[in-house]
Amino acid sequence: MSHRELTTALDTQTATSDILRVISQSPTDVQPVFDAIIESARRLLNGLSAIVTRLVGDELHLSAFTRVTEAADALAKSAFLIPLTHGSLPAQASVSAQRVS
């Protein structure tokens, strides 16, 4: 196994451990778990931002996201209630995932 593969495996294991710790500390509140998933995913993928959505009925709701500024955060929250019939990429991905499962 190469040094890069070992580093990736360790980073993944650390992220998983962080998320499991948050789950154990917040057994009845899912928001801290979603926030931990966002931060771990952003860090692992070396991304600028990340979002977690959840399907509620036939709409996608924003559950967690990388915070920027109060104004940008408010805009993201207000704009992110997406019907599955919407042509957006998140809606299409959710519909595709439902077909597979």
PDB file of N, CA and C in Angstrom:
ATOM      1  N   MET A   1       0.844  -1.172   0.000  1.00  0.00           N
ATOM      2  CA  MET A   1       0.000   0.000   0.000  1.00  0.00           C
ATOM      3  C   MET A   1       0.894   1.241   0.000  1.00  0.00           C
ATOM      4  N   SER A   2       0.570   2.210  -0.844  1.00  0.00           N
ATOM      5  CA  SER A   2       1.383   3.421  -0.960  1.00  0.00           C
ATOM      6  C   SER A   2       1.100   4.379   0.205  1.00  0.00           C
ATOM      7  N   HIS A   3       1.985   5.343   0.340  1.00  0.00           N
ATOM      8  CA  HIS A   3       1.826   6.354   1.387  1.00  0.00           C
ATOM      9  C   HIS A   3       0.516   7.123   1.198  1.00  0.00           C
ATOM     10  N   ARG A   4       0.196   7.440  -0.038  1.00  0.00           N
ATOM     11  CA  ARG A   4      -1.044   8.177  -0.328  1.00  0.00           C
ATOM     12  C   ARG A   4      -2.273   7.344   0.048  1.00  0.00           C
ATOM     13  N   GLU A   5      -2.264   6.064  -0.272  1.00  0.00           N
ATOM     14  CA  GLU A   5      -3.386   5.179   0.087  1.00  0.00           C
ATOM     15  C   GLU A   5      -3.535   5.071   1.600  1.00  0.00           C
ATOM     16  N   LEU A   6      -2.412   4.994   2.315  1.00  0.00           N
ATOM     17  CA  LEU A   6      -2.468   4.939   3.775  1.00  0.00           C
ATOM     18  C   LEU A   6      -3.022   6.229   4.359  1.00  0.00           C
ATOM     19  N   THR A   7      -2.591   7.351   3.803  1.00  0.00           N
ATOM     20  CA  THR A   7      -3.086   8.644   4.268  1.00  0.00           C
ATOM     21  C   THR A   7      -4.585   8.766   4.024  1.00  0.00           C
ATOM     22  N   THR A   8      -5.032   8.362   2.845  1.00  0.00           N
ATOM     23  CA  THR A   8      -6.464   8.411   2.518  1.00  0.00           C
ATOM     24  C   THR A   8      -7.259   7.512   3.447  1.00  0.00           C
ATOM     25  N   ALA A   9      -6.761   6.319   3.705  1.00  0.00           N
ATOM     26  CA  ALA A   9      -7.447   5.390   4.603  1.00  0.00           C
ATOM     27  C   ALA A   9      -7.529   5.965   6.016  1.00  0.00           C
ATOM     28  N   LEU A  10      -6.447   6.561   6.490  1.00  0.00           N
ATOM     29  CA  LEU A  10      -6.439   7.166   7.821  1.00  0.00           C
ATOM     30  C   LEU A  10      -7.401   8.348   7.891  1.00  0.00           C
ATOM     31  N   ASP A  11      -7.411   9.196   6.862  1.00  0.00           N
ATOM     32  CA  ASP A  11      -8.330  10.337   6.831  1.00  0.00           C
ATOM     33  C   ASP A  11      -9.782   9.873   6.847  1.00  0.00           C
ATOM     34  N   THR A  12     -10.078   8.834   6.089  1.00  0.00           N
ATOM     35  CA  THR A  12     -11.443   8.289   6.040  1.00  0.00           C
ATOM     36  C   THR A  12     -11.835   7.714   7.395  1.00  0.00           C
ATOM     37  N   GLN A  13     -10.926   6.982   8.000  1.00  0.00           N
ATOM     38  CA  GLN A  13     -11.200   6.390   9.316  1.00  0.00           C
ATOM     39  C   GLN A  13     -11.393   7.475  10.376  1.00  0.00           C
ATOM     40  N   THR A  14     -10.613   8.532  10.302  1.00  0.00           N
ATOM     41  CA  THR A  14     -10.756   9.649  11.241  1.00  0.00           C
ATOM     42  C   THR A  14     -12.106  10.335  11.059  1.00  0.00           C
ATOM     43  N   ALA A  15     -12.501  10.561   9.820  1.00  0.00           N
ATOM     44  CA  ALA A  15     -13.794  11.199   9.546  1.00  0.00           C
ATOM     45  C   ALA A  15     -14.935  10.337  10.065  1.00  0.00           C
ATOM     46  N   THR A  16     -14.850   9.040   9.836  1.00  0.00           N
ATOM     47  CA  THR A  16     -15.883   8.123  10.321  1.00  0.00           C
ATOM     48  C   THR A  16     -15.947   8.151  11.840  1.00  0.00           C
ATOM     49  N   SER A  17     -14.800   8.145  12.475  1.00  0.00           N
ATOM     50  CA  SER A  17     -14.738   8.198  13.933  1.00  0.00           C
ATOM     51  C   SER A  17     -15.357   9.493  14.464  1.00  0.00           C
ATOM     52  N   ASP A  18     -15.056  10.607  13.803  1.00  0.00           N
ATOM     53  CA  ASP A  18     -15.622  11.901  14.211  1.00  0.00           C
ATOM     54  C   ASP A  18     -17.144  11.884  14.127  1.00  0.00           C
ATOM     55  N   ILE A  19     -17.667  11.346  13.048  1.00  0.00           N
ATOM     56  CA  ILE A  19     -19.121  11.294  12.868  1.00  0.00           C
ATOM     57  C   ILE A  19     -19.759  10.371  13.902  1.00  0.00           C
ATOM     58  N   LEU A  20     -19.159   9.226  14.150  1.00  0.00           N
ATOM     59  CA  LEU A  20     -19.695   8.294  15.153  1.00  0.00           C
ATOM     60  C   LEU A  20     -19.679   8.909  16.544  1.00  0.00           C
ATOM     61  N   ARG A  21     -18.654   9.691  16.851  1.00  0.00           N
ATOM     62  CA  ARG A  21     -18.585  10.370  18.147  1.00  0.00           C
ATOM     63  C   ARG A  21     -19.740  11.349  18.297  1.00  0.00           C
ATOM     64  N   VAL A  22     -20.010  12.106  17.241  1.00  0.00           N
ATOM     65  CA  VAL A  22     -21.116  13.071  17.276  1.00  0.00           C
ATOM     66  C   VAL A  22     -22.447  12.340  17.428  1.00  0.00           C
ATOM     67  N   ILE A  23     -22.604  11.216  16.739  1.00  0.00           N
ATOM     68  CA  ILE A  23     -23.837  10.430  16.865  1.00  0.00           C
ATOM     69  C   ILE A  23     -24.029   9.983  18.311  1.00  0.00           C
ATOM     70  N   SER A  24     -22.968   9.521  18.939  1.00  0.00           N
ATOM     71  CA  SER A  24     -23.088   9.039  20.325  1.00  0.00           C
ATOM     72  C   SER A  24     -23.382  10.177  21.297  1.00  0.00           C
ATOM     73  N   GLN A  25     -22.940  11.388  20.976  1.00  0.00           N
ATOM     74  CA  GLN A  25     -23.172  12.537  21.846  1.00  0.00           C
ATOM     75  C   GLN A  25     -24.521  13.206  21.594  1.00  0.00           C
ATOM     76  N   SER A  26     -25.141  12.925  20.460  1.00  0.00           N
ATOM     77  CA  SER A  26     -26.401  13.573  20.086  1.00  0.00           C
ATOM     78  C   SER A  26     -27.409  12.531  19.605  1.00  0.00           C
ATOM     79  N   PRO A  27     -27.802  11.595  20.482  1.00  0.00           N
ATOM     80  CA  PRO A  27     -28.671  10.513  20.011  1.00  0.00           C
ATOM     81  C   PRO A  27     -30.070  10.956  19.565  1.00  0.00           C
ATOM     82  N   THR A  28     -30.522  12.127  20.006  1.00  0.00           N
ATOM     83  CA  THR A  28     -31.870  12.556  19.631  1.00  0.00           C
ATOM     84  C   THR A  28     -31.888  13.793  18.735  1.00  0.00           C
ATOM     85  N   ASP A  29     -30.722  14.363  18.448  1.00  0.00           N
ATOM     86  CA  ASP A  29     -30.643  15.567  17.621  1.00  0.00           C
ATOM     87  C   ASP A  29     -29.790  15.266  16.398  1.00  0.00           C
ATOM     88  N   VAL A  30     -30.414  15.244  15.223  1.00  0.00           N
ATOM     89  CA  VAL A  30     -29.681  14.887  14.007  1.00  0.00           C
ATOM     90  C   VAL A  30     -28.868  16.038  13.426  1.00  0.00           C
ATOM     91  N   GLN A  31     -29.160  17.280  13.786  1.00  0.00           N
ATOM     92  CA  GLN A  31     -28.459  18.411  13.179  1.00  0.00           C
ATOM     93  C   GLN A  31     -26.946  18.371  13.393  1.00  0.00           C
ATOM     94  N   PRO A  32     -26.458  18.090  14.616  1.00  0.00           N
ATOM     95  CA  PRO A  32     -25.000  17.999  14.782  1.00  0.00           C
ATOM     96  C   PRO A  32     -24.382  16.882  13.929  1.00  0.00           C
ATOM     97  N   VAL A  33     -25.120  15.826  13.695  1.00  0.00           N
ATOM     98  CA  VAL A  33     -24.625  14.732  12.857  1.00  0.00           C
ATOM     99  C   VAL A  33     -24.513  15.193  11.413  1.00  0.00           C
ATOM    100  N   PHE A  34     -25.553  15.858  10.905  1.00  0.00           N
ATOM    101  CA  PHE A  34     -25.490  16.394   9.545  1.00  0.00           C
ATOM    102  C   PHE A  34     -24.323  17.376   9.405  1.00  0.00           C
ATOM    103  N   ASP A  35     -24.127  18.225  10.407  1.00  0.00           N
ATOM    104  CA  ASP A  35     -23.029  19.195  10.364  1.00  0.00           C
ATOM    105  C   ASP A  35     -21.674  18.489  10.352  1.00  0.00           C
ATOM    106  N   ALA A  36     -21.533  17.423  11.106  1.00  0.00           N
ATOM    107  CA  ALA A  36     -20.279  16.655  11.126  1.00  0.00           C
ATOM    108  C   ALA A  36     -20.048  15.972   9.782  1.00  0.00           C
ATOM    109  N   ILE A  37     -21.103  15.465   9.174  1.00  0.00           N
ATOM    110  CA  ILE A  37     -20.984  14.838   7.849  1.00  0.00           C
ATOM    111  C   ILE A  37     -20.505  15.865   6.826  1.00  0.00           C
ATOM    112  N   ILE A  38     -21.094  17.059   6.873  1.00  0.00           N
ATOM    113  CA  ILE A  38     -20.708  18.128   5.951  1.00  0.00           C
ATOM    114  C   ILE A  38     -19.227  18.456   6.084  1.00  0.00           C
ATOM    115  N   GLU A  39     -18.794  18.659   7.312  1.00  0.00           N
ATOM    116  CA  GLU A  39     -17.400  19.048   7.520  1.00  0.00           C
ATOM    117  C   GLU A  39     -16.448  17.923   7.108  1.00  0.00           C
ATOM    118  N   SER A  40     -16.787  16.694   7.438  1.00  0.00           N
ATOM    119  CA  SER A  40     -15.928  15.562   7.061  1.00  0.00           C
ATOM    120  C   SER A  40     -15.869  15.386   5.550  1.00  0.00           C
ATOM    121  N   ALA A  41     -17.011  15.491   4.888  1.00  0.00           N
ATOM    122  CA  ALA A  41     -17.046  15.333   3.428  1.00  0.00           C
ATOM    123  C   ALA A  41     -16.249  16.437   2.747  1.00  0.00           C
ATOM    124  N   ARG A  42     -16.431  17.658   3.201  1.00  0.00           N
ATOM    125  CA  ARG A  42     -15.706  18.789   2.611  1.00  0.00           C
ATOM    126  C   ARG A  42     -14.198  18.597   2.780  1.00  0.00           C
ATOM    127  N   ARG A  43     -13.789  18.185   3.978  1.00  0.00           N
ATOM    128  CA  ARG A  43     -12.363  17.989   4.251  1.00  0.00           C
ATOM    129  C   ARG A  43     -11.799  16.816   3.442  1.00  0.00           C
ATOM    130  N   LEU A  44     -12.512  15.689   3.419  1.00  0.00           N
ATOM    131  CA  LEU A  44     -12.019  14.508   2.697  1.00  0.00           C
ATOM    132  C   LEU A  44     -11.904  14.742   1.198  1.00  0.00           C
ATOM    133  N   LEU A  45     -12.852  15.475   0.656  1.00  0.00           N
ATOM    134  CA  LEU A  45     -12.868  15.720  -0.787  1.00  0.00           C
ATOM    135  C   LEU A  45     -12.130  16.991  -1.178  1.00  0.00           C
ATOM    136  N   ASN A  46     -11.575  17.667  -0.154  1.00  0.00           N
ATOM    137  CA  ASN A  46     -10.846  18.902  -0.383  1.00  0.00           C
ATOM    138  C   ASN A  46     -11.714  19.916  -1.124  1.00  0.00           C
ATOM    139  N   GLY A  47     -12.969  19.999  -0.713  1.00  0.00           N
ATOM    140  CA  GLY A  47     -13.920  20.876  -1.373  1.00  0.00           C
ATOM    141  C   GLY A  47     -14.046  22.227  -0.700  1.00  0.00           C
ATOM    142  N   LEU A  48     -14.651  23.141  -1.405  1.00  0.00           N
ATOM    143  CA  LEU A  48     -14.918  24.461  -0.846  1.00  0.00           C
ATOM    144  C   LEU A  48     -16.202  24.463  -0.032  1.00  0.00           C
ATOM    145  N   SER A  49     -17.165  23.641  -0.457  1.00  0.00           N
ATOM    146  CA  SER A  49     -18.446  23.603   0.238  1.00  0.00           C
ATOM    147  C   SER A  49     -19.095  22.244   0.039  1.00  0.00           C
ATOM    148  N   ALA A  50     -20.107  22.003   0.851  1.00  0.00           N
ATOM    149  CA  ALA A  50     -20.847  20.741   0.765  1.00  0.00           C
ATOM    150  C   ALA A  50     -22.262  20.974   1.286  1.00  0.00           C
ATOM    151  N   ILE A  51     -23.175  20.112   0.844  1.00  0.00           N
ATOM    152  CA  ILE A  51     -24.551  20.168   1.344  1.00  0.00           C
ATOM    153  C   ILE A  51     -25.033  18.757   1.649  1.00  0.00           C
ATOM    154  N   VAL A  52     -25.975  18.678   2.575  1.00  0.00           N
ATOM    155  CA  VAL A  52     -26.705  17.442   2.839  1.00  0.00           C
ATOM    156  C   VAL A  52     -28.176  17.780   2.674  1.00  0.00           C
ATOM    157  N   THR A  53     -28.851  17.014   1.837  1.00  0.00           N
ATOM    158  CA  THR A  53     -30.289  17.192   1.663  1.00  0.00           C
ATOM    159  C   THR A  53     -30.995  15.944   2.163  1.00  0.00           C
ATOM    160  N   ARG A  54     -32.267  16.092   2.451  1.00  0.00           N
ATOM    161  CA  ARG A  54     -33.071  14.922   2.799  1.00  0.00           C
ATOM    162  C   ARG A  54     -34.389  15.023   2.056  1.00  0.00           C
ATOM    163  N   LEU A  55     -34.905  13.864   1.748  1.00  0.00           N
ATOM    164  CA  LEU A  55     -36.156  13.783   1.011  1.00  0.00           C
ATOM    165  C   LEU A  55     -37.309  13.790   1.998  1.00  0.00           C
ATOM    166  N   VAL A  56     -38.199  14.766   1.856  1.00  0.00           N
ATOM    167  CA  VAL A  56     -39.393  14.870   2.690  1.00  0.00           C
ATOM    168  C   VAL A  56     -40.572  14.872   1.729  1.00  0.00           C
ATOM    169  N   GLY A  57     -41.303  13.766   1.706  1.00  0.00           N
ATOM    170  CA  GLY A  57     -42.378  13.632   0.729  1.00  0.00           C
ATOM    171  C   GLY A  57     -41.788  13.615  -0.661  1.00  0.00           C
ATOM    172  N   ASP A  58     -42.182  14.574  -1.471  1.00  0.00           N
ATOM    173  CA  ASP A  58     -41.624  14.663  -2.827  1.00  0.00           C
ATOM    174  C   ASP A  58     -40.810  15.943  -3.013  1.00  0.00           C
ATOM    175  N   GLU A  59     -40.177  16.399  -1.913  1.00  0.00           N
ATOM    176  CA  GLU A  59     -39.337  17.594  -1.963  1.00  0.00           C
ATOM    177  C   GLU A  59     -37.994  17.327  -1.298  1.00  0.00           C
ATOM    178  N   LEU A  60     -36.974  17.992  -1.810  1.00  0.00           N
ATOM    179  CA  LEU A  60     -35.665  17.963  -1.172  1.00  0.00           C
ATOM    180  C   LEU A  60     -35.554  19.150  -0.228  1.00  0.00           C
ATOM    181  N   HIS A  61     -35.166  18.868   1.003  1.00  0.00           N
ATOM    182  CA  HIS A  61     -34.976  19.910   2.005  1.00  0.00           C
ATOM    183  C   HIS A  61     -33.486  20.003   2.329  1.00  0.00           C
ATOM    184  N   LEU A  62     -33.019  21.202   2.560  1.00  0.00           N
ATOM    185  CA  LEU A  62     -31.635  21.430   2.934  1.00  0.00           C
ATOM    186  C   LEU A  62     -31.482  21.091   4.412  1.00  0.00           C
ATOM    187  N   SER A  63     -30.621  20.131   4.725  1.00  0.00           N
ATOM    188  CA  SER A  63     -30.421  19.723   6.113  1.00  0.00           C
ATOM    189  C   SER A  63     -29.167  20.330   6.722  1.00  0.00           C
ATOM    190  N   ALA A  64     -28.122  20.449   5.926  1.00  0.00           N
ATOM    191  CA  ALA A  64     -26.875  21.044   6.412  1.00  0.00           C
ATOM    192  C   ALA A  64     -26.082  21.541   5.211  1.00  0.00           C
ATOM    193  N   PHE A  65     -25.246  22.536   5.455  1.00  0.00           N
ATOM    194  CA  PHE A  65     -24.439  23.089   4.376  1.00  0.00           C
ATOM    195  C   PHE A  65     -23.253  23.820   4.971  1.00  0.00           C
ATOM    196  N   THR A  66     -22.251  24.038   4.141  1.00  0.00           N
ATOM    197  CA  THR A  66     -21.094  24.801   4.559  1.00  0.00           C
ATOM    198  C   THR A  66     -21.513  26.255   4.702  1.00  0.00           C
ATOM    199  N   ARG A  67     -21.306  26.797   5.853  1.00  0.00           N
ATOM    200  CA  ARG A  67     -21.715  28.173   6.126  1.00  0.00           C
ATOM    201  C   ARG A  67     -20.712  29.159   5.520  1.00  0.00           C
ATOM    202  N   VAL A  68     -21.241  30.313   5.041  1.00  0.00           N
ATOM    203  CA  VAL A  68     -20.405  31.317   4.403  1.00  0.00           C
ATOM    204  C   VAL A  68     -20.549  32.636   5.154  1.00  0.00           C
ATOM    205  N   THR A  69     -21.662  33.313   4.928  1.00  0.00           N
ATOM    206  CA  THR A  69     -21.998  34.546   5.648  1.00  0.00           C
ATOM    207  C   THR A  69     -23.464  34.434   6.036  1.00  0.00           C
ATOM    208  N   GLU A  70     -23.913  35.281   6.940  1.00  0.00           N
ATOM    209  CA  GLU A  70     -25.321  35.236   7.348  1.00  0.00           C
ATOM    210  C   GLU A  70     -26.253  35.464   6.161  1.00  0.00           C
ATOM    211  N   ALA A  71     -25.926  36.413   5.310  1.00  0.00           N
ATOM    212  CA  ALA A  71     -26.776  36.714   4.156  1.00  0.00           C
ATOM    213  C   ALA A  71     -26.805  35.543   3.171  1.00  0.00           C
ATOM    214  N   ALA A  72     -25.642  34.977   2.879  1.00  0.00           N
ATOM    215  CA  ALA A  72     -25.581  33.841   1.952  1.00  0.00           C
ATOM    216  C   ALA A  72     -26.283  32.623   2.537  1.00  0.00           C
ATOM    217  N   ASP A  73     -26.121  32.407   3.839  1.00  0.00           N
ATOM    218  CA  ASP A  73     -26.778  31.280   4.501  1.00  0.00           C
ATOM    219  C   ASP A  73     -28.297  31.417   4.448  1.00  0.00           C
ATOM    220  N   ALA A  74     -28.791  32.618   4.688  1.00  0.00           N
ATOM    221  CA  ALA A  74     -30.236  32.861   4.629  1.00  0.00           C
ATOM    222  C   ALA A  74     -30.773  32.628   3.223  1.00  0.00           C
ATOM    223  N   LEU A  75     -30.018  33.055   2.217  1.00  0.00           N
ATOM    224  CA  LEU A  75     -30.431  32.851   0.832  1.00  0.00           C
ATOM    225  C   LEU A  75     -30.473  31.357   0.497  1.00  0.00           C
ATOM    226  N   ALA A  76     -29.460  30.625   0.919  1.00  0.00           N
ATOM    227  CA  ALA A  76     -29.422  29.182   0.662  1.00  0.00           C
ATOM    228  C   ALA A  76     -30.613  28.491   1.315  1.00  0.00           C
ATOM    229  N   LYS A  77     -30.897  28.841   2.550  1.00  0.00           N
ATOM    230  CA  LYS A  77     -32.016  28.222   3.266  1.00  0.00           C
ATOM    231  C   LYS A  77     -33.350  28.531   2.584  1.00  0.00           C
ATOM    232  N   SER A  78     -33.520  29.765   2.138  1.00  0.00           N
ATOM    233  CA  SER A  78     -34.804  30.147   1.542  1.00  0.00           C
ATOM    234  C   SER A  78     -34.992  29.569   0.148  1.00  0.00           C
ATOM    235  N   ALA A  79     -33.900  29.331  -0.563  1.00  0.00           N
ATOM    236  CA  ALA A  79     -33.995  28.866  -1.943  1.00  0.00           C
ATOM    237  C   ALA A  79     -33.992  27.352  -2.073  1.00  0.00           C
ATOM    238  N   PHE A  80     -33.778  26.654  -0.989  1.00  0.00           N
ATOM    239  CA  PHE A  80     -33.561  25.216  -1.108  1.00  0.00           C
ATOM    240  C   PHE A  80     -34.728  24.408  -0.550  1.00  0.00           C
ATOM    241  N   LEU A  81     -35.817  24.447  -1.264  1.00  0.00           N
ATOM    242  CA  LEU A  81     -36.945  23.545  -1.061  1.00  0.00           C
ATOM    243  C   LEU A  81     -37.316  23.129  -2.477  1.00  0.00           C
ATOM    244  N   ILE A  82     -36.757  22.015  -2.923  1.00  0.00           N
ATOM    245  CA  ILE A  82     -36.814  21.658  -4.334  1.00  0.00           C
ATOM    246  C   ILE A  82     -37.750  20.477  -4.559  1.00  0.00           C
ATOM    247  N   PRO A  83     -38.817  20.658  -5.346  1.00  0.00           N
ATOM    248  CA  PRO A  83     -39.661  19.520  -5.703  1.00  0.00           C
ATOM    249  C   PRO A  83     -38.886  18.552  -6.590  1.00  0.00           C
ATOM    250  N   LEU A  84     -39.161  17.270  -6.451  1.00  0.00           N
ATOM    251  CA  LEU A  84     -38.464  16.264  -7.255  1.00  0.00           C
ATOM    252  C   LEU A  84     -38.752  16.435  -8.739  1.00  0.00           C
ATOM    253  N   THR A  85     -39.832  17.117  -9.076  1.00  0.00           N
ATOM    254  CA  THR A  85     -40.153  17.346 -10.481  1.00  0.00           C
ATOM    255  C   THR A  85     -39.313  18.478 -11.080  1.00  0.00           C
ATOM    256  N   HIS A  86     -38.587  19.190 -10.233  1.00  0.00           N
ATOM    257  CA  HIS A  86     -37.712  20.279 -10.685  1.00  0.00           C
ATOM    258  C   HIS A  86     -36.565  19.670 -11.477  1.00  0.00           C
ATOM    259  N   GLY A  87     -36.053  20.359 -12.451  1.00  0.00           N
ATOM    260  CA  GLY A  87     -34.998  19.821 -13.305  1.00  0.00           C
ATOM    261  C   GLY A  87     -33.590  19.965 -12.754  1.00  0.00           C
ATOM    262  N   SER A  88     -33.449  20.354 -11.480  1.00  0.00           N
ATOM    263  CA  SER A  88     -32.116  20.591 -10.930  1.00  0.00           C
ATOM    264  C   SER A  88     -31.338  19.287 -10.760  1.00  0.00           C
ATOM    265  N   LEU A  89     -30.035  19.420 -10.679  1.00  0.00           N
ATOM    266  CA  LEU A  89     -29.167  18.260 -10.493  1.00  0.00           C
ATOM    267  C   LEU A  89     -29.492  17.502  -9.200  1.00  0.00           C
ATOM    268  N   PRO A  90     -29.667  18.180  -8.047  1.00  0.00           N
ATOM    269  CA  PRO A  90     -30.021  17.422  -6.833  1.00  0.00           C
ATOM    270  C   PRO A  90     -31.335  16.653  -6.973  1.00  0.00           C
ATOM    271  N   ALA A  91     -32.325  17.256  -7.617  1.00  0.00           N
ATOM    272  CA  ALA A  91     -33.607  16.567  -7.805  1.00  0.00           C
ATOM    273  C   ALA A  91     -33.440  15.366  -8.722  1.00  0.00           C
ATOM    274  N   GLN A  92     -32.707  15.531  -9.810  1.00  0.00           N
ATOM    275  CA  GLN A  92     -32.474  14.419 -10.738  1.00  0.00           C
ATOM    276  C   GLN A  92     -31.717  13.285 -10.059  1.00  0.00           C
ATOM    277  N   ALA A  93     -30.717  13.621  -9.246  1.00  0.00           N
ATOM    278  CA  ALA A  93     -29.944  12.589  -8.539  1.00  0.00           C
ATOM    279  C   ALA A  93     -30.830  11.823  -7.565  1.00  0.00           C
ATOM    280  N   SER A  94     -31.727  12.512  -6.880  1.00  0.00           N
ATOM    281  CA  SER A  94     -32.619  11.849  -5.931  1.00  0.00           C
ATOM    282  C   SER A  94     -33.596  10.922  -6.634  1.00  0.00           C
ATOM    283  N   VAL A  95     -34.129  11.372  -7.749  1.00  0.00           N
ATOM    284  CA  VAL A  95     -35.044  10.534  -8.517  1.00  0.00           C
ATOM    285  C   VAL A  95     -34.321   9.302  -9.036  1.00  0.00           C
ATOM    286  N   SER A  96     -33.095   9.472  -9.537  1.00  0.00           N
ATOM    287  CA  SER A  96     -32.301   8.347 -10.029  1.00  0.00           C
ATOM    288  C   SER A  96     -31.998   7.363  -8.911  1.00  0.00           C
ATOM    289  N   ALA A  97     -31.666   7.879  -7.730  1.00  0.00           N
ATOM    290  CA  ALA A  97     -31.355   7.006  -6.586  1.00  0.00           C
ATOM    291  C   ALA A  97     -32.589   6.213  -6.166  1.00  0.00           C
ATOM    292  N   GLN A  98     -33.765   6.808  -6.246  1.00  0.00           N
ATOM    293  CA  GLN A  98     -34.987   6.098  -5.895  1.00  0.00           C
ATOM    294  C   GLN A  98     -35.247   4.951  -6.863  1.00  0.00           C
ATOM    295  N   ARG A  99     -34.935   5.155  -8.123  1.00  0.00           N
ATOM    296  CA  ARG A  99     -35.155   4.114  -9.130  1.00  0.00           C
ATOM    297  C   ARG A  99     -34.242   2.921  -8.893  1.00  0.00           C
ATOM    298  N   VAL A 100     -33.034   3.179  -8.421  1.00  0.00           N
ATOM    299  CA  VAL A 100     -32.045   2.116  -8.193  1.00  0.00           C
ATOM    300  C   VAL A 100     -32.399   1.281  -6.981  1.00  0.00           C
ATOM    301  N   SER A 101     -32.890   1.913  -5.930  1.00  0.00           N
ATOM    302  CA  SER A 101     -33.164   1.191  -4.690  1.00  0.00           C
ATOM    303  C   SER A 101     -34.470   0.456  -4.692  1.00  0.00           C
TER     304      SER A 101
END
